[in-house]
Amino acid sequence: MRILITNDDGIEATGLNVLEKIATDLTDDVWVVAPETDNSGASHSLTLAEPLRMRELAKRHYAVKGTPTDCVIMGVRFLLQQQPPDLVLSGINRGQNLADDITYSGTVAGAIQGTLLGIPSIAMSIISGPVETGQDGRQAPIWETPMEHGAELIRKLLDAGWPEGVVINVNFPSCEPGAVKGLAATAQGLRDPGFLRIEDRLDTRGRAYYWVGIEPRRVKPREGTDLWAVRSNFISVTPLCLDYTDQKTREKLAAVLESAKEVPKAPPAEAEQAQAKQAQGRARADRHSQA
């Protein structure tokens, strides 16, 4: 099995090294193609306004001056063009990718790109933020947890399989390996949008600048969601569908927008005139035939 791994924290990130060790527990054929620098929050962006630059750091290790999406494309369509990977792994992200985090996540985007290229793909993240850990400040990730559970989880997922057009999003809880309660197949949760905040500051020259952040407030998440799972010390496994279509709404709109149009009926007088003309035409045809 050939595995391509990437991330959004950059080529020097600890989580990338952890993921490589997990991948080598599954196969010897592991390729690393990751961004040159931190691309957190890059989502599914492409580099189109300038050329991509790629450096070979070691055997099967490459750094790309671009996004996680760029890295997966370079890996699949350039480096491994003759023998594409059988699996794409993206992560392990230093910080959760839960609920609506996934819409911003470069880690999830790397797995999305692999899925779009027809390759089974898994995004992996580990909890470290104060909102999910319930502690003050950003906590150091407990890397031993994915190290111990990661390879076996991937084996189980590969054995079970999943449909095309679906990407698997995994989040490890912030606890020691032995405290993990198990695996949970979860639904995508939803955060309170009121948690978003803007901090405005002044630099040394008196010019304003801003930081986007999240209020470290905790609410009780709905059971069965990814938010609930990690707070309960489960490893969250969420299948995400790349077809964003909401079928119920589409069907409702179709009933309104695509209703059959009735053909206007001719007024009675016009209908009689039309019938008269048809009768005259038949009469002329009869006279010609008799002649």
C-alpha atoms as a PDB file:
ATOM      1  CA  MET A   1       0.000   0.000   0.000  1.00  0.00           C
ATOM      2  CA  ARG A   2       1.265   3.452  -0.923  1.00  0.00           C
ATOM      3  CA  ILE A   3       0.395   6.336   1.414  1.00  0.00           C
ATOM      4  CA  LEU A   4       0.701  10.063   0.749  1.00  0.00           C
ATOM      5  CA  ILE A   5       0.667  12.306   3.818  1.00  0.00           C
ATOM      6  CA  THR A   6       0.309  16.066   4.110  1.00  0.00           C
ATOM      7  CA  ASN A   7      -0.813  18.653   6.667  1.00  0.00           C
ATOM      8  CA  ASP A   8      -1.527  22.352   7.086  1.00  0.00           C
ATOM      9  CA  ASP A   9       0.838  23.087  10.002  1.00  0.00           C
ATOM     10  CA  GLY A  10       3.871  22.866   7.748  1.00  0.00           C
ATOM     11  CA  ILE A  11       6.690  20.488   6.927  1.00  0.00           C
ATOM     12  CA  GLU A  12       8.386  20.934  10.323  1.00  0.00           C
ATOM     13  CA  ALA A  13       5.294  20.278  12.432  1.00  0.00           C
ATOM     14  CA  THR A  14       5.406  17.621  15.142  1.00  0.00           C
ATOM     15  CA  GLY A  15       2.036  16.261  14.072  1.00  0.00           C
ATOM     16  CA  LEU A  16       3.383  15.463  10.614  1.00  0.00           C
ATOM     17  CA  ASN A  17       6.181  13.392  12.152  1.00  0.00           C
ATOM     18  CA  VAL A  18       3.663  11.565  14.324  1.00  0.00           C
ATOM     19  CA  LEU A  19       1.479  10.825  11.303  1.00  0.00           C
ATOM     20  CA  GLU A  20       4.476   9.527   9.358  1.00  0.00           C
ATOM     21  CA  LYS A  21       5.272   7.109  12.183  1.00  0.00           C
ATOM     22  CA  ILE A  22       1.660   5.915  12.157  1.00  0.00           C
ATOM     23  CA  ALA A  23       1.773   5.461   8.378  1.00  0.00           C
ATOM     24  CA  THR A  24       4.993   3.439   8.556  1.00  0.00           C
ATOM     25  CA  ASP A  25       3.201   1.024  10.892  1.00  0.00           C
ATOM     26  CA  LEU A  26       0.947   0.282   7.915  1.00  0.00           C
ATOM     27  CA  THR A  27       3.423   0.262   5.017  1.00  0.00           C
ATOM     28  CA  ASP A  28       7.001   1.084   4.036  1.00  0.00           C
ATOM     29  CA  ASP A  29       5.828   3.061   0.998  1.00  0.00           C
ATOM     30  CA  VAL A  30       5.142   6.455   2.597  1.00  0.00           C
ATOM     31  CA  TRP A  31       5.525   9.803   0.828  1.00  0.00           C
ATOM     32  CA  VAL A  32       5.477  13.184   2.569  1.00  0.00           C
ATOM     33  CA  VAL A  33       4.421  16.312   0.652  1.00  0.00           C
ATOM     34  CA  ALA A  34       3.629  19.201   2.983  1.00  0.00           C
ATOM     35  CA  PRO A  35       3.513  23.008   2.910  1.00  0.00           C
ATOM     36  CA  GLU A  36       6.745  24.922   3.362  1.00  0.00           C
ATOM     37  CA  THR A  37       5.091  27.065   6.068  1.00  0.00           C
ATOM     38  CA  ASP A  38       2.058  27.016   8.361  1.00  0.00           C
ATOM     39  CA  ASN A  39      -1.168  27.080   6.325  1.00  0.00           C
ATOM     40  CA  SER A  40      -3.686  26.784   9.158  1.00  0.00           C
ATOM     41  CA  GLY A  41      -7.070  28.104   8.075  1.00  0.00           C
ATOM     42  CA  ALA A  42      -6.182  27.862   4.378  1.00  0.00           C
ATOM     43  CA  SER A  43      -9.269  25.737   3.759  1.00  0.00           C
ATOM     44  CA  HIS A  44      -9.510  24.301   0.226  1.00  0.00           C
ATOM     45  CA  SER A  45      -7.566  27.090  -1.472  1.00  0.00           C
ATOM     46  CA  LEU A  46      -5.347  26.678  -4.529  1.00  0.00           C
ATOM     47  CA  THR A  47      -2.292  28.668  -5.552  1.00  0.00           C
ATOM     48  CA  LEU A  48      -3.169  30.123  -8.947  1.00  0.00           C
ATOM     49  CA  ALA A  49      -1.582  33.589  -9.065  1.00  0.00           C
ATOM     50  CA  GLU A  50       2.011  32.374  -8.887  1.00  0.00           C
ATOM     51  CA  PRO A  51       3.973  29.213  -9.711  1.00  0.00           C
ATOM     52  CA  LEU A  52       4.456  26.456  -7.158  1.00  0.00           C
ATOM     53  CA  ARG A  53       7.941  25.808  -5.777  1.00  0.00           C
ATOM     54  CA  MET A  54       8.891  22.388  -4.411  1.00  0.00           C
ATOM     55  CA  ARG A  55      12.007  21.298  -2.522  1.00  0.00           C
ATOM     56  CA  GLU A  56      13.167  17.719  -1.988  1.00  0.00           C
ATOM     57  CA  LEU A  57      14.269  17.489   1.645  1.00  0.00           C
ATOM     58  CA  ALA A  58      15.051  13.789   1.766  1.00  0.00           C
ATOM     59  CA  LYS A  59      13.979  10.587   0.077  1.00  0.00           C
ATOM     60  CA  ARG A  60      10.178  10.768  -0.348  1.00  0.00           C
ATOM     61  CA  HIS A  61      10.015  14.039   1.602  1.00  0.00           C
ATOM     62  CA  TYR A  62       9.033  17.261  -0.180  1.00  0.00           C
ATOM     63  CA  ALA A  63       8.125  20.788   0.879  1.00  0.00           C
ATOM     64  CA  VAL A  64       5.817  22.834  -1.352  1.00  0.00           C
ATOM     65  CA  LYS A  65       5.459  26.590  -1.203  1.00  0.00           C
ATOM     66  CA  GLY A  66       1.695  26.338  -1.329  1.00  0.00           C
ATOM     67  CA  THR A  67      -1.424  25.089   0.403  1.00  0.00           C
ATOM     68  CA  PRO A  68      -2.354  21.574   1.565  1.00  0.00           C
ATOM     69  CA  THR A  69      -4.496  21.271  -1.560  1.00  0.00           C
ATOM     70  CA  ASP A  70      -1.489  22.176  -3.716  1.00  0.00           C
ATOM     71  CA  CYS A  71       0.561  19.537  -1.911  1.00  0.00           C
ATOM     72  CA  VAL A  72      -1.909  16.728  -2.562  1.00  0.00           C
ATOM     73  CA  ILE A  73      -2.227  17.689  -6.222  1.00  0.00           C
ATOM     74  CA  MET A  74       1.562  17.799  -6.609  1.00  0.00           C
ATOM     75  CA  GLY A  75       1.882  14.439  -4.903  1.00  0.00           C
ATOM     76  CA  VAL A  76      -0.834  12.639  -6.846  1.00  0.00           C
ATOM     77  CA  ARG A  77      -0.569  14.274 -10.262  1.00  0.00           C
ATOM     78  CA  PHE A  78       3.190  14.911 -10.427  1.00  0.00           C
ATOM     79  CA  LEU A  79       5.413  12.966  -8.040  1.00  0.00           C
ATOM     80  CA  LEU A  80       3.288   9.806  -7.969  1.00  0.00           C
ATOM     81  CA  GLN A  81       1.680  10.140 -11.369  1.00  0.00           C
ATOM     82  CA  GLN A  82       2.807   6.702 -12.546  1.00  0.00           C
ATOM     83  CA  GLN A  83       1.652   4.962  -9.357  1.00  0.00           C
ATOM     84  CA  PRO A  84      -0.844   7.051  -7.391  1.00  0.00           C
ATOM     85  CA  PRO A  85      -1.232   6.520  -3.638  1.00  0.00           C
ATOM     86  CA  ASP A  86      -3.804   4.118  -2.244  1.00  0.00           C
ATOM     87  CA  LEU A  87      -4.494   6.357   0.743  1.00  0.00           C
ATOM     88  CA  VAL A  88      -4.099  10.042   1.636  1.00  0.00           C
ATOM     89  CA  LEU A  89      -3.608  11.011   5.287  1.00  0.00           C
ATOM     90  CA  SER A  90      -3.725  14.662   6.339  1.00  0.00           C
ATOM     91  CA  GLY A  91      -2.523  15.849   9.752  1.00  0.00           C
ATOM     92  CA  ILE A  92      -2.078  15.342  12.544  1.00  0.00           C
ATOM     93  CA  ASN A  93      -3.328  18.862  13.159  1.00  0.00           C
ATOM     94  CA  ARG A  94      -2.274  20.574  16.379  1.00  0.00           C
ATOM     95  CA  GLY A  95      -5.770  21.553  17.399  1.00  0.00           C
ATOM     96  CA  GLN A  96      -9.276  20.274  16.806  1.00  0.00           C
ATOM     97  CA  ASN A  97     -11.188  20.287  13.543  1.00  0.00           C
ATOM     98  CA  LEU A  98     -14.716  19.863  14.826  1.00  0.00           C
ATOM     99  CA  ALA A  99     -18.138  21.182  13.879  1.00  0.00           C
ATOM    100  CA  ASP A 100     -17.836  24.199  11.567  1.00  0.00           C
ATOM    101  CA  ASP A 101     -14.029  24.210  12.015  1.00  0.00           C
ATOM    102  CA  ILE A 102     -13.943  21.911   9.004  1.00  0.00           C
ATOM    103  CA  THR A 103     -15.000  24.697   6.656  1.00  0.00           C
ATOM    104  CA  TYR A 104     -11.800  26.602   7.500  1.00  0.00           C
ATOM    105  CA  SER A 105      -9.452  23.672   7.959  1.00  0.00           C
ATOM    106  CA  GLY A 106      -6.479  23.136   5.673  1.00  0.00           C
ATOM    107  CA  THR A 107      -6.068  19.698   7.255  1.00  0.00           C
ATOM    108  CA  VAL A 108      -9.551  18.593   6.222  1.00  0.00           C
ATOM    109  CA  ALA A 109      -9.029  20.241   2.819  1.00  0.00           C
ATOM    110  CA  GLY A 110      -5.995  18.048   2.162  1.00  0.00           C
ATOM    111  CA  ALA A 111      -8.164  14.972   2.674  1.00  0.00           C
ATOM    112  CA  ILE A 112     -10.955  16.515   0.599  1.00  0.00           C
ATOM    113  CA  GLN A 113      -8.568  16.991  -2.312  1.00  0.00           C
ATOM    114  CA  GLY A 114      -7.445  13.390  -2.083  1.00  0.00           C
ATOM    115  CA  THR A 115     -11.079  12.289  -2.149  1.00  0.00           C
ATOM    116  CA  LEU A 116     -11.781  14.487  -5.188  1.00  0.00           C
ATOM    117  CA  LEU A 117      -8.892  12.749  -6.950  1.00  0.00           C
ATOM    118  CA  GLY A 118     -10.536   9.388  -6.272  1.00  0.00           C
ATOM    119  CA  ILE A 119      -8.298   8.301  -3.375  1.00  0.00           C
ATOM    120  CA  PRO A 120      -9.631   7.254   0.063  1.00  0.00           C
ATOM    121  CA  SER A 121      -8.587  10.026   2.431  1.00  0.00           C
ATOM    122  CA  ILE A 122      -8.556  10.656   6.174  1.00  0.00           C
ATOM    123  CA  ALA A 123      -8.003  13.919   8.058  1.00  0.00           C
ATOM    124  CA  MET A 124      -6.617  13.651  11.597  1.00  0.00           C
ATOM    125  CA  SER A 125      -6.482  16.253  14.381  1.00  0.00           C
ATOM    126  CA  ILE A 126      -5.868  16.297  18.121  1.00  0.00           C
ATOM    127  CA  ILE A 127      -7.598  18.468  20.702  1.00  0.00           C
ATOM    128  CA  SER A 128      -5.502  21.159  22.351  1.00  0.00           C
ATOM    129  CA  GLY A 129      -7.643  24.310  22.584  1.00  0.00           C
ATOM    130  CA  PRO A 130      -9.156  25.629  25.831  1.00  0.00           C
ATOM    131  CA  VAL A 131     -12.757  25.371  24.572  1.00  0.00           C
ATOM    132  CA  GLU A 132     -12.601  21.592  24.195  1.00  0.00           C
ATOM    133  CA  THR A 133     -10.142  20.754  26.983  1.00  0.00           C
ATOM    134  CA  GLY A 134     -11.953  22.875  29.582  1.00  0.00           C
ATOM    135  CA  GLN A 135      -8.598  24.240  30.804  1.00  0.00           C
ATOM    136  CA  ASP A 136      -7.141  27.713  30.683  1.00  0.00           C
ATOM    137  CA  GLY A 137      -4.845  28.442  27.774  1.00  0.00           C
ATOM    138  CA  ARG A 138      -3.761  26.232  24.905  1.00  0.00           C
ATOM    139  CA  GLN A 139      -2.653  22.823  26.123  1.00  0.00           C
ATOM    140  CA  ALA A 140       0.201  20.815  24.644  1.00  0.00           C
ATOM    141  CA  PRO A 141      -1.191  17.953  22.537  1.00  0.00           C
ATOM    142  CA  ILE A 142      -0.837  14.487  24.014  1.00  0.00           C
ATOM    143  CA  TRP A 143       0.824  12.972  20.941  1.00  0.00           C
ATOM    144  CA  GLU A 144       1.047   9.552  22.587  1.00  0.00           C
ATOM    145  CA  THR A 145      -2.717   9.148  22.100  1.00  0.00           C
ATOM    146  CA  PRO A 146      -2.711   9.136  18.274  1.00  0.00           C
ATOM    147  CA  MET A 147       0.606   7.256  18.325  1.00  0.00           C
ATOM    148  CA  GLU A 148      -1.021   4.398  20.229  1.00  0.00           C
ATOM    149  CA  HIS A 149      -4.450   4.381  18.568  1.00  0.00           C
ATOM    150  CA  GLY A 150      -3.845   5.804  15.087  1.00  0.00           C
ATOM    151  CA  ALA A 151      -2.621   2.816  13.091  1.00  0.00           C
ATOM    152  CA  GLU A 152      -5.262   0.423  14.420  1.00  0.00           C
ATOM    153  CA  LEU A 153      -7.992   2.993  13.739  1.00  0.00           C
ATOM    154  CA  ILE A 154      -6.859   3.361  10.121  1.00  0.00           C
ATOM    155  CA  ARG A 155      -6.829  -0.425   9.701  1.00  0.00           C
ATOM    156  CA  LYS A 156     -10.407  -0.624  10.974  1.00  0.00           C
ATOM    157  CA  LEU A 157     -11.520   2.156   8.649  1.00  0.00           C
ATOM    158  CA  LEU A 158      -9.872   0.551   5.623  1.00  0.00           C
ATOM    159  CA  ASP A 159     -11.441  -2.809   6.467  1.00  0.00           C
ATOM    160  CA  ALA A 160     -14.872  -1.209   6.786  1.00  0.00           C
ATOM    161  CA  GLY A 161     -14.465   0.984   3.696  1.00  0.00           C
ATOM    162  CA  TRP A 162     -16.484   4.065   2.796  1.00  0.00           C
ATOM    163  CA  PRO A 163     -18.122   5.365  -0.393  1.00  0.00           C
ATOM    164  CA  GLU A 164     -16.536   7.573  -3.002  1.00  0.00           C
ATOM    165  CA  GLY A 165     -17.174  11.250  -2.348  1.00  0.00           C
ATOM    166  CA  VAL A 166     -16.864  10.799   1.418  1.00  0.00           C
ATOM    167  CA  VAL A 167     -13.906  11.981   3.508  1.00  0.00           C
ATOM    168  CA  ILE A 168     -13.213  10.719   7.022  1.00  0.00           C
ATOM    169  CA  ASN A 169     -12.533  13.334   9.710  1.00  0.00           C
ATOM    170  CA  VAL A 170     -10.856  12.009  12.876  1.00  0.00           C
ATOM    171  CA  ASN A 171     -10.336  13.950  16.108  1.00  0.00           C
ATOM    172  CA  PHE A 172      -8.371  12.542  19.052  1.00  0.00           C
ATOM    173  CA  PRO A 173      -9.416  13.677  22.548  1.00  0.00           C
ATOM    174  CA  SER A 174      -7.111  15.501  24.944  1.00  0.00           C
ATOM    175  CA  CYS A 175      -6.394  12.601  27.260  1.00  0.00           C
ATOM    176  CA  GLU A 176      -3.765   9.949  27.874  1.00  0.00           C
ATOM    177  CA  PRO A 177      -3.927   6.869  25.615  1.00  0.00           C
ATOM    178  CA  GLY A 178      -5.279   4.674  28.395  1.00  0.00           C
ATOM    179  CA  ALA A 179      -8.101   7.120  29.154  1.00  0.00           C
ATOM    180  CA  VAL A 180      -9.610   6.834  25.671  1.00  0.00           C
ATOM    181  CA  LYS A 181     -13.066   5.280  26.061  1.00  0.00           C
ATOM    182  CA  GLY A 182     -13.269   3.988  22.504  1.00  0.00           C
ATOM    183  CA  LEU A 183     -14.233   5.009  18.990  1.00  0.00           C
ATOM    184  CA  ALA A 184     -17.392   6.930  18.125  1.00  0.00           C
ATOM    185  CA  ALA A 185     -18.949   7.351  14.684  1.00  0.00           C
ATOM    186  CA  THR A 186     -20.234  10.898  14.985  1.00  0.00           C
ATOM    187  CA  ALA A 187     -22.171  13.626  13.226  1.00  0.00           C
ATOM    188  CA  GLN A 188     -20.739  17.067  12.552  1.00  0.00           C
ATOM    189  CA  GLY A 189     -21.573  19.376  15.439  1.00  0.00           C
ATOM    190  CA  LEU A 190     -22.385  23.075  15.396  1.00  0.00           C
ATOM    191  CA  ARG A 191     -20.726  25.826  17.376  1.00  0.00           C
ATOM    192  CA  ASP A 192     -22.415  28.920  18.753  1.00  0.00           C
ATOM    193  CA  PRO A 193     -21.491  31.716  16.301  1.00  0.00           C
ATOM    194  CA  GLY A 194     -21.475  34.098  19.257  1.00  0.00           C
ATOM    195  CA  PHE A 195     -18.162  32.562  20.310  1.00  0.00           C
ATOM    196  CA  LEU A 196     -16.340  34.424  17.528  1.00  0.00           C
ATOM    197  CA  ARG A 197     -14.636  37.612  18.631  1.00  0.00           C
ATOM    198  CA  ILE A 198     -12.376  40.298  17.206  1.00  0.00           C
ATOM    199  CA  GLU A 199      -9.538  41.765  19.243  1.00  0.00           C
ATOM    200  CA  ASP A 200      -8.332  45.134  18.016  1.00  0.00           C
ATOM    201  CA  ARG A 201      -4.899  46.395  18.987  1.00  0.00           C
ATOM    202  CA  LEU A 202      -2.356  49.031  18.032  1.00  0.00           C
ATOM    203  CA  ASP A 203       1.154  48.330  16.847  1.00  0.00           C
ATOM    204  CA  THR A 204       4.213  50.374  17.909  1.00  0.00           C
ATOM    205  CA  ARG A 205       3.436  52.937  15.211  1.00  0.00           C
ATOM    206  CA  GLY A 206      -0.130  53.419  16.354  1.00  0.00           C
ATOM    207  CA  ARG A 207      -1.692  51.522  13.452  1.00  0.00           C
ATOM    208  CA  ALA A 208      -4.614  49.228  14.128  1.00  0.00           C
ATOM    209  CA  TYR A 209      -4.458  45.479  13.649  1.00  0.00           C
ATOM    210  CA  TYR A 210      -6.877  42.693  14.538  1.00  0.00           C
ATOM    211  CA  TRP A 211      -6.962  39.088  15.740  1.00  0.00           C
ATOM    212  CA  VAL A 212      -9.859  36.714  15.111  1.00  0.00           C
ATOM    213  CA  GLY A 213     -10.460  34.412  18.054  1.00  0.00           C
ATOM    214  CA  ILE A 214     -12.952  32.192  19.869  1.00  0.00           C
ATOM    215  CA  GLU A 215     -14.313  32.864  23.343  1.00  0.00           C
ATOM    216  CA  PRO A 216     -13.256  30.000  25.656  1.00  0.00           C
ATOM    217  CA  ARG A 217     -16.825  29.255  26.710  1.00  0.00           C
ATOM    218  CA  ARG A 218     -18.213  25.737  26.900  1.00  0.00           C
ATOM    219  CA  VAL A 219     -21.762  24.639  26.207  1.00  0.00           C
ATOM    220  CA  LYS A 220     -23.166  21.155  26.403  1.00  0.00           C
ATOM    221  CA  PRO A 221     -22.983  19.673  22.874  1.00  0.00           C
ATOM    222  CA  ARG A 222     -25.613  17.380  21.439  1.00  0.00           C
ATOM    223  CA  GLU A 223     -24.882  13.707  22.108  1.00  0.00           C
ATOM    224  CA  GLY A 224     -23.599  11.847  19.064  1.00  0.00           C
ATOM    225  CA  THR A 225     -21.739  14.844  17.627  1.00  0.00           C
ATOM    226  CA  ASP A 226     -18.000  15.221  17.214  1.00  0.00           C
ATOM    227  CA  LEU A 227     -17.963  17.902  19.944  1.00  0.00           C
ATOM    228  CA  TRP A 228     -19.651  15.539  22.374  1.00  0.00           C
ATOM    229  CA  ALA A 229     -17.328  12.634  21.537  1.00  0.00           C
ATOM    230  CA  VAL A 230     -14.007  14.348  22.222  1.00  0.00           C
ATOM    231  CA  ARG A 231     -15.284  15.933  25.436  1.00  0.00           C
ATOM    232  CA  SER A 232     -16.321  12.430  26.525  1.00  0.00           C
ATOM    233  CA  ASN A 233     -12.820  11.054  25.731  1.00  0.00           C
ATOM    234  CA  PHE A 234     -13.886   9.171  22.610  1.00  0.00           C
ATOM    235  CA  ILE A 235     -11.999   9.297  19.324  1.00  0.00           C
ATOM    236  CA  SER A 236     -14.428  11.011  16.973  1.00  0.00           C
ATOM    237  CA  VAL A 237     -14.794   9.585  13.459  1.00  0.00           C
ATOM    238  CA  THR A 238     -17.035  11.714  11.243  1.00  0.00           C
ATOM    239  CA  PRO A 239     -17.821  10.814   7.612  1.00  0.00           C
ATOM    240  CA  LEU A 240     -18.208  14.026   5.615  1.00  0.00           C
ATOM    241  CA  CYS A 241     -20.054  14.069   2.294  1.00  0.00           C
ATOM    242  CA  LEU A 242     -18.557  16.248  -0.426  1.00  0.00           C
ATOM    243  CA  ASP A 243     -21.925  16.604  -2.152  1.00  0.00           C
ATOM    244  CA  TYR A 244     -23.190  19.676  -0.327  1.00  0.00           C
ATOM    245  CA  THR A 245     -26.664  19.404  -1.874  1.00  0.00           C
ATOM    246  CA  ASP A 246     -29.508  19.366   0.639  1.00  0.00           C
ATOM    247  CA  GLN A 247     -31.869  16.951  -1.100  1.00  0.00           C
ATOM    248  CA  LYS A 248     -35.005  17.825   0.886  1.00  0.00           C
ATOM    249  CA  THR A 249     -34.627  21.504   0.064  1.00  0.00           C
ATOM    250  CA  ARG A 250     -33.804  20.722  -3.559  1.00  0.00           C
ATOM    251  CA  GLU A 251     -36.992  18.662  -3.889  1.00  0.00           C
ATOM    252  CA  LYS A 252     -39.026  21.443  -2.284  1.00  0.00           C
ATOM    253  CA  LEU A 253     -37.561  24.043  -4.649  1.00  0.00           C
ATOM    254  CA  ALA A 254     -38.045  21.768  -7.646  1.00  0.00           C
ATOM    255  CA  ALA A 255     -41.765  21.530  -6.883  1.00  0.00           C
ATOM    256  CA  VAL A 256     -41.970  25.329  -7.010  1.00  0.00           C
ATOM    257  CA  LEU A 257     -39.484  26.176  -9.747  1.00  0.00           C
ATOM    258  CA  GLU A 258     -40.003  23.267 -12.129  1.00  0.00           C
ATOM    259  CA  SER A 259     -43.804  22.920 -12.100  1.00  0.00           C
ATOM    260  CA  ALA A 260     -45.287  22.057 -15.492  1.00  0.00           C
ATOM    261  CA  LYS A 261     -46.417  25.087 -17.439  1.00  0.00           C
ATOM    262  CA  GLU A 262     -49.959  24.914 -18.787  1.00  0.00           C
ATOM    263  CA  VAL A 263     -50.381  25.611 -22.491  1.00  0.00           C
ATOM    264  CA  PRO A 264     -52.700  28.648 -22.871  1.00  0.00           C
ATOM    265  CA  LYS A 265     -56.109  27.707 -24.285  1.00  0.00           C
ATOM    266  CA  ALA A 266     -57.365  29.573 -27.342  1.00  0.00           C
ATOM    267  CA  PRO A 267     -60.352  31.842 -26.772  1.00  0.00           C
ATOM    268  CA  PRO A 268     -63.666  30.380 -28.070  1.00  0.00           C
ATOM    269  CA  ALA A 269     -63.903  32.740 -31.043  1.00  0.00           C
ATOM    270  CA  GLU A 270     -60.384  31.996 -32.166  1.00  0.00           C
ATOM    271  CA  ALA A 271     -61.015  28.291 -31.754  1.00  0.00           C
ATOM    272  CA  GLU A 272     -64.072  28.479 -34.004  1.00  0.00           C
ATOM    273  CA  GLN A 273     -62.111  30.386 -36.633  1.00  0.00           C
ATOM    274  CA  ALA A 274     -59.388  27.793 -36.552  1.00  0.00           C
ATOM    275  CA  GLN A 275     -61.915  24.984 -37.010  1.00  0.00           C
ATOM    276  CA  ALA A 276     -63.491  26.822 -39.929  1.00  0.00           C
ATOM    277  CA  LYS A 277     -60.142  27.225 -41.648  1.00  0.00           C
ATOM    278  CA  GLN A 278     -59.419  23.528 -41.181  1.00  0.00           C
ATOM    279  CA  ALA A 279     -62.820  22.660 -42.728  1.00  0.00           C
ATOM    280  CA  GLN A 280     -62.143  24.938 -45.693  1.00  0.00           C
ATOM    281  CA  GLY A 281     -58.778  23.298 -46.203  1.00  0.00           C
ATOM    282  CA  ARG A 282     -60.349  19.837 -46.247  1.00  0.00           C
ATOM    283  CA  ALA A 283     -62.996  20.990 -48.722  1.00  0.00           C
ATOM    284  CA  ARG A 284     -60.408  22.342 -51.141  1.00  0.00           C
ATOM    285  CA  ALA A 285     -58.492  19.118 -50.885  1.00  0.00           C
ATOM    286  CA  ASP A 286     -61.634  17.146 -51.745  1.00  0.00           C
ATOM    287  CA  ARG A 287     -62.358  19.318 -54.814  1.00  0.00           C
ATOM    288  CA  HIS A 288     -58.848  18.849 -56.128  1.00  0.00           C
ATOM    289  CA  SER A 289     -59.088  15.111 -55.721  1.00  0.00           C
ATOM    290  CA  GLN A 290     -62.415  14.948 -57.555  1.00  0.00           C
ATOM    291  CA  ALA A 291     -61.037  17.039 -60.412  1.00  0.00           C
END
